[in-house]
Amino acid sequence: MKLHIVPARTGVDWVRQGIQVYAKQPLALTALFFTTMAAMKLLSVVPLLGPIIALTLLPAATLVMMEAAAETSLGRIPTPALILNAFRTGRQRLGALAVLGAIYAALFLVIIGIASLADGGEFARVYFGAAPLTQEIAESSGFMLATWIVMALYAPLSMLFWHAPGLVHWHNVPPVKALFFSIVAVLKNIRAFTLYSVVWFAVFLAAGVIVSLVVTLLAIAGLGNSVVAALMIASVLVLVTMFFTSIVFTFRDNFEPPQRPAQADEQLTE
């Protein structure tokens, strides 16, 4: 496995490739992302263990979208059956992915615990659905500080896990090594990832402006709040799906393609 150092402009290519692949199968990719997130949301409703299980599954959910984008780039329709078939890589890799998920959940809970020191656990209660997010809570200094702490600590967590699911799944790298290689790859290509983040921020911002204008026009036309709400939810769903679709291209350009399994090699090289 060899790490590639890519030019900064590659970050723009990752965004473009993600949008282009999404445009090939927008309904299938959006439905797959929505189904995955809905399943995790349902799990999080289960008392006590539900939210932890949902956190544990997040690396696998990211890998599902990477697989879906790879399949779409090959001209295939990313059906759930096709994606599940890609996960039949043996108990060892599935076990490693489960360990990776457990590490992610543990580290995220540590971040929430650190943030709780700033607001007495208010952010944690809101995040896990134990308390509603009221205006009073949102404007409190403790809650705002906790939010900034979570955002600041989540950045290195994201770098640790950015490539880790793909390394475990396609390269059969042990979970801890996958985390190390992931953060090294991101830091080595930090210019490309910075540009990647900036471009995605610009895309989200531009889309937000356009949707706001459309919503305003719909409100003036007298359409119901349900139509406006549906449009806003749909736009967010499309944007987030496109973002997750682009992740596989960052992985493909950062690492040499694996030799086995052959299916993964085909997906990452074409």
Protein backbone atom coordinates (compact mmCIF):
# COMPACT_ATOMS: atom_id res chain seq x y z
CA MET A 1 0.00 0.00 0.00
CA LYS A 2 1.54 3.26 -1.15
CA LEU A 3 0.44 6.75 -0.19
CA HIS A 4 0.08 9.30 -2.98
CA ILE A 5 0.83 12.99 -2.48
CA VAL A 6 -1.55 14.92 -4.71
CA PRO A 7 -1.59 18.58 -5.85
CA ALA A 8 -3.86 21.01 -4.02
CA ARG A 9 -6.12 21.35 -7.09
CA THR A 10 -7.06 17.69 -6.69
CA GLY A 11 -9.41 18.82 -3.93
CA VAL A 12 -11.55 20.53 -6.57
CA ASP A 13 -11.52 17.35 -8.68
CA TRP A 14 -12.86 15.34 -5.74
CA VAL A 15 -15.83 17.65 -5.42
CA ARG A 16 -16.47 17.61 -9.18
CA GLN A 17 -16.23 13.82 -9.36
CA GLY A 18 -18.61 13.40 -6.45
CA ILE A 19 -21.21 15.66 -8.09
CA GLN A 20 -20.79 13.98 -11.48
CA VAL A 21 -21.20 10.47 -10.08
CA TYR A 22 -24.22 11.58 -8.06
CA ALA A 23 -25.78 12.97 -11.25
CA LYS A 24 -25.58 9.49 -12.82
CA GLN A 25 -27.82 7.88 -10.19
CA PRO A 26 -29.35 10.66 -8.06
CA LEU A 27 -32.45 8.75 -6.94
CA ALA A 28 -30.62 5.51 -6.11
CA LEU A 29 -27.82 7.23 -4.20
CA THR A 30 -30.18 9.53 -2.31
CA ALA A 31 -32.47 6.63 -1.42
CA LEU A 32 -29.52 4.56 -0.21
CA PHE A 33 -28.17 7.39 1.93
CA PHE A 34 -31.62 8.16 3.34
CA THR A 35 -32.26 4.49 4.15
CA THR A 36 -28.88 4.15 5.87
CA MET A 37 -29.37 7.28 7.96
CA ALA A 38 -32.98 6.35 8.77
CA ALA A 39 -31.88 2.93 10.02
CA MET A 40 -29.27 4.53 12.26
CA LYS A 41 -31.85 7.02 13.52
CA LEU A 42 -34.25 4.21 14.41
CA LEU A 43 -31.49 2.42 16.29
CA SER A 44 -30.66 5.57 18.23
CA VAL A 45 -34.20 5.62 19.62
CA VAL A 46 -33.54 2.40 21.55
CA PRO A 47 -32.93 3.35 25.20
CA LEU A 48 -29.37 3.40 26.54
CA LEU A 49 -27.52 1.32 23.93
CA GLY A 50 -29.30 2.67 20.83
CA PRO A 51 -27.27 5.88 20.38
CA ILE A 52 -24.00 4.01 20.99
CA ILE A 53 -24.88 1.35 18.42
CA ALA A 54 -25.75 4.06 15.90
CA LEU A 55 -22.36 5.71 16.47
CA THR A 56 -20.63 2.36 16.04
CA LEU A 57 -22.25 1.90 12.64
CA LEU A 58 -21.18 5.29 11.25
CA PRO A 59 -17.87 4.06 9.68
CA ALA A 60 -19.81 1.24 8.01
CA ALA A 61 -22.40 3.74 6.74
CA THR A 62 -19.59 5.82 5.22
CA LEU A 63 -18.22 2.70 3.56
CA VAL A 64 -21.67 1.93 2.13
CA MET A 65 -21.67 5.29 0.33
CA MET A 66 -18.10 4.73 -0.86
CA GLU A 67 -19.13 1.37 -2.30
CA ALA A 68 -22.22 2.94 -3.86
CA ALA A 69 -20.18 5.69 -5.53
CA ALA A 70 -17.68 3.11 -6.82
CA GLU A 71 -20.48 1.00 -8.29
CA THR A 72 -22.08 4.05 -9.89
CA SER A 73 -18.80 5.13 -11.46
CA LEU A 74 -18.72 1.70 -13.17
CA GLY A 75 -22.16 2.28 -14.65
CA ARG A 76 -24.00 0.03 -12.19
CA ILE A 77 -27.07 0.89 -10.16
CA PRO A 78 -26.09 0.95 -6.46
CA THR A 79 -28.86 -1.24 -5.08
CA PRO A 80 -28.77 -2.37 -1.42
CA ALA A 81 -28.28 -5.98 -2.57
CA LEU A 82 -25.23 -5.00 -4.60
CA ILE A 83 -23.74 -3.09 -1.69
CA LEU A 84 -24.34 -5.95 0.76
CA ASN A 85 -22.62 -8.29 -1.66
CA ALA A 86 -19.52 -6.06 -1.52
CA PHE A 87 -19.37 -6.60 2.26
CA ARG A 88 -18.91 -10.35 1.86
CA THR A 89 -15.17 -10.11 2.35
CA GLY A 90 -14.86 -12.50 5.28
CA ARG A 91 -15.34 -12.41 9.03
CA GLN A 92 -11.92 -10.89 9.63
CA ARG A 93 -12.65 -7.68 7.72
CA LEU A 94 -16.18 -7.41 9.07
CA GLY A 95 -14.79 -7.87 12.57
CA ALA A 96 -12.16 -5.21 11.94
CA LEU A 97 -14.87 -2.85 10.71
CA ALA A 98 -16.87 -3.52 13.88
CA VAL A 99 -13.79 -2.76 16.00
CA LEU A 100 -13.30 0.44 14.03
CA GLY A 101 -16.89 1.42 14.76
CA ALA A 102 -16.43 0.72 18.46
CA ILE A 103 -13.33 2.92 18.55
CA TYR A 104 -15.22 5.70 16.79
CA ALA A 105 -18.11 5.51 19.26
CA ALA A 106 -15.73 5.52 22.24
CA LEU A 107 -13.75 8.52 20.99
CA PHE A 108 -16.91 10.44 20.13
CA LEU A 109 -18.30 9.80 23.60
CA VAL A 110 -15.02 11.10 25.05
CA ILE A 111 -15.50 14.30 23.04
CA ILE A 112 -19.07 14.62 24.33
CA GLY A 113 -17.77 14.04 27.86
CA ILE A 114 -15.17 16.80 27.52
CA ALA A 115 -17.81 19.17 26.15
CA SER A 116 -20.06 18.32 29.09
CA LEU A 117 -17.52 19.89 31.43
CA ALA A 118 -18.39 23.25 29.85
CA ASP A 119 -22.19 23.11 30.16
CA GLY A 120 -22.99 20.42 32.69
CA GLY A 121 -24.03 17.92 30.01
CA GLU A 122 -26.68 20.06 28.29
CA PHE A 123 -25.15 19.55 24.84
CA ALA A 124 -25.03 15.79 25.42
CA ARG A 125 -28.69 15.68 26.48
CA VAL A 126 -29.75 17.64 23.40
CA TYR A 127 -27.56 15.59 21.04
CA PHE A 128 -28.88 12.24 22.29
CA GLY A 129 -32.48 13.46 22.30
CA ALA A 130 -32.91 13.50 26.06
CA ALA A 131 -33.80 17.20 26.03
CA PRO A 132 -35.24 19.59 23.41
CA LEU A 133 -33.11 22.36 21.93
CA THR A 134 -34.81 25.53 23.12
CA GLN A 135 -33.77 29.07 22.30
CA GLU A 136 -32.73 29.59 25.90
CA ILE A 137 -30.40 26.60 25.78
CA ALA A 138 -28.99 27.47 22.35
CA GLU A 139 -28.13 31.00 23.47
CA SER A 140 -26.54 29.99 26.77
CA SER A 141 -22.79 30.55 27.03
CA GLY A 142 -22.13 27.04 28.32
CA PHE A 143 -23.97 25.37 25.43
CA MET A 144 -22.21 27.55 22.86
CA LEU A 145 -18.81 26.75 24.41
CA ALA A 146 -19.63 23.03 24.40
CA THR A 147 -20.61 23.26 20.72
CA TRP A 148 -17.28 24.88 19.82
CA ILE A 149 -15.41 22.22 21.81
CA VAL A 150 -17.18 19.43 19.93
CA MET A 151 -16.48 21.08 16.57
CA ALA A 152 -12.82 21.60 17.40
CA LEU A 153 -12.26 18.04 18.65
CA TYR A 154 -14.28 16.45 15.88
CA ALA A 155 -11.83 17.73 13.24
CA PRO A 156 -8.97 15.38 14.29
CA LEU A 157 -11.50 12.58 14.85
CA SER A 158 -12.69 13.03 11.29
CA MET A 159 -9.13 12.86 9.98
CA LEU A 160 -8.52 9.66 11.93
CA PHE A 161 -11.54 7.96 10.38
CA TRP A 162 -11.62 9.58 6.94
CA HIS A 163 -9.81 6.75 5.14
CA ALA A 164 -10.00 4.12 7.87
CA PRO A 165 -13.15 2.26 6.66
CA GLY A 166 -11.72 1.94 3.16
CA LEU A 167 -8.33 0.80 4.43
CA VAL A 168 -9.95 -1.89 6.59
CA HIS A 169 -12.34 -3.02 3.86
CA TRP A 170 -10.24 -2.86 0.69
CA HIS A 171 -6.67 -3.17 2.00
CA ASN A 172 -7.36 -5.46 4.99
CA VAL A 173 -5.45 -3.09 7.30
CA PRO A 174 -5.97 -3.64 11.07
CA PRO A 175 -8.18 -0.95 12.68
CA VAL A 176 -5.50 0.88 14.70
CA LYS A 177 -3.09 0.95 11.76
CA ALA A 178 -5.92 2.13 9.52
CA LEU A 179 -6.50 5.08 11.84
CA PHE A 180 -2.79 5.96 11.76
CA PHE A 181 -2.54 5.70 7.97
CA SER A 182 -5.73 7.72 7.59
CA ILE A 183 -4.58 10.74 9.56
CA VAL A 184 -1.13 10.61 7.95
CA ALA A 185 -2.71 10.59 4.48
CA VAL A 186 -4.94 13.56 5.33
CA LEU A 187 -2.07 15.56 6.82
CA LYS A 188 0.25 14.75 3.91
CA ASN A 189 -2.43 16.00 1.50
CA ILE A 190 -3.74 18.76 3.74
CA ARG A 191 -3.66 21.34 0.93
CA ALA A 192 -5.94 19.23 -1.26
CA PHE A 193 -8.26 18.49 1.66
CA THR A 194 -8.37 22.17 2.62
CA LEU A 195 -9.39 23.13 -0.91
CA TYR A 196 -11.84 20.22 -0.94
CA SER A 197 -13.46 21.57 2.24
CA VAL A 198 -13.54 25.15 0.96
CA VAL A 199 -15.17 24.16 -2.33
CA TRP A 200 -17.79 22.05 -0.58
CA PHE A 201 -18.50 24.94 1.78
CA ALA A 202 -19.00 27.20 -1.26
CA VAL A 203 -21.32 24.63 -2.88
CA PHE A 204 -23.42 24.34 0.28
CA LEU A 205 -23.52 28.12 0.67
CA ALA A 206 -24.56 28.72 -2.94
CA ALA A 207 -27.21 26.02 -2.73
CA GLY A 208 -28.49 27.55 0.50
CA VAL A 209 -28.88 30.94 -1.16
CA ILE A 210 -30.73 29.43 -4.13
CA VAL A 211 -33.03 27.37 -1.91
CA SER A 212 -33.75 30.43 0.25
CA LEU A 213 -34.77 32.41 -2.82
CA VAL A 214 -37.01 29.59 -4.04
CA VAL A 215 -38.57 29.23 -0.59
CA THR A 216 -39.26 32.95 -0.47
CA LEU A 217 -40.95 32.82 -3.88
CA LEU A 218 -43.04 29.84 -2.81
CA ALA A 219 -44.09 31.65 0.35
CA ILE A 220 -45.11 34.70 -1.68
CA ALA A 221 -47.08 32.41 -4.01
CA GLY A 222 -49.01 31.21 -0.98
CA LEU A 223 -47.91 27.58 -0.99
CA GLY A 224 -48.19 25.73 2.30
CA ASN A 225 -45.44 25.35 4.88
CA SER A 226 -45.33 21.62 4.18
CA VAL A 227 -44.15 22.25 0.61
CA VAL A 228 -41.48 24.66 1.80
CA ALA A 229 -40.29 22.26 4.51
CA ALA A 230 -40.16 19.36 2.04
CA LEU A 231 -38.06 21.41 -0.37
CA MET A 232 -35.59 22.38 2.33
CA ILE A 233 -35.25 18.80 3.60
CA ALA A 234 -34.82 17.46 0.07
CA SER A 235 -32.11 20.00 -0.76
CA VAL A 236 -30.14 19.16 2.38
CA LEU A 237 -30.49 15.44 1.67
CA VAL A 238 -29.20 15.87 -1.90
CA LEU A 239 -26.22 17.99 -0.82
CA VAL A 240 -25.14 15.66 1.98
CA THR A 241 -25.49 12.62 -0.29
CA MET A 242 -23.29 14.29 -2.92
CA PHE A 243 -20.70 15.02 -0.24
CA PHE A 244 -20.60 11.40 0.93
CA THR A 245 -20.44 10.26 -2.69
CA SER A 246 -17.22 12.22 -3.17
CA ILE A 247 -15.36 10.54 -0.29
CA VAL A 248 -14.38 7.47 -2.33
CA PHE A 249 -12.45 9.67 -4.78
CA THR A 250 -10.30 11.08 -1.98
CA PHE A 251 -9.48 7.50 -0.99
CA ARG A 252 -8.75 6.40 -4.55
CA ASP A 253 -6.30 9.24 -5.16
CA ASN A 254 -4.55 8.92 -1.78
CA PHE A 255 -3.69 5.21 -1.94
CA GLU A 256 -2.57 2.60 -4.43
CA PRO A 257 -5.44 0.29 -5.41
CA PRO A 258 -5.53 -3.03 -3.54
CA GLN A 259 -4.45 -6.23 -5.21
CA ARG A 260 -7.32 -8.22 -3.67
CA PRO A 261 -10.19 -8.67 -3.71
CA ALA A 262 -10.47 -8.34 -7.47
CA GLN A 263 -13.87 -6.66 -7.21
CA ALA A 264 -12.44 -3.86 -5.08
CA ASP A 265 -9.52 -3.46 -7.45
CA GLU A 266 -11.92 -3.01 -10.34
CA GLN A 267 -13.95 -0.44 -8.42
CA LEU A 268 -11.04 1.73 -7.37
CA THR A 269 -9.06 1.74 -10.59
CA GLU A 270 -11.74 2.46 -13.17
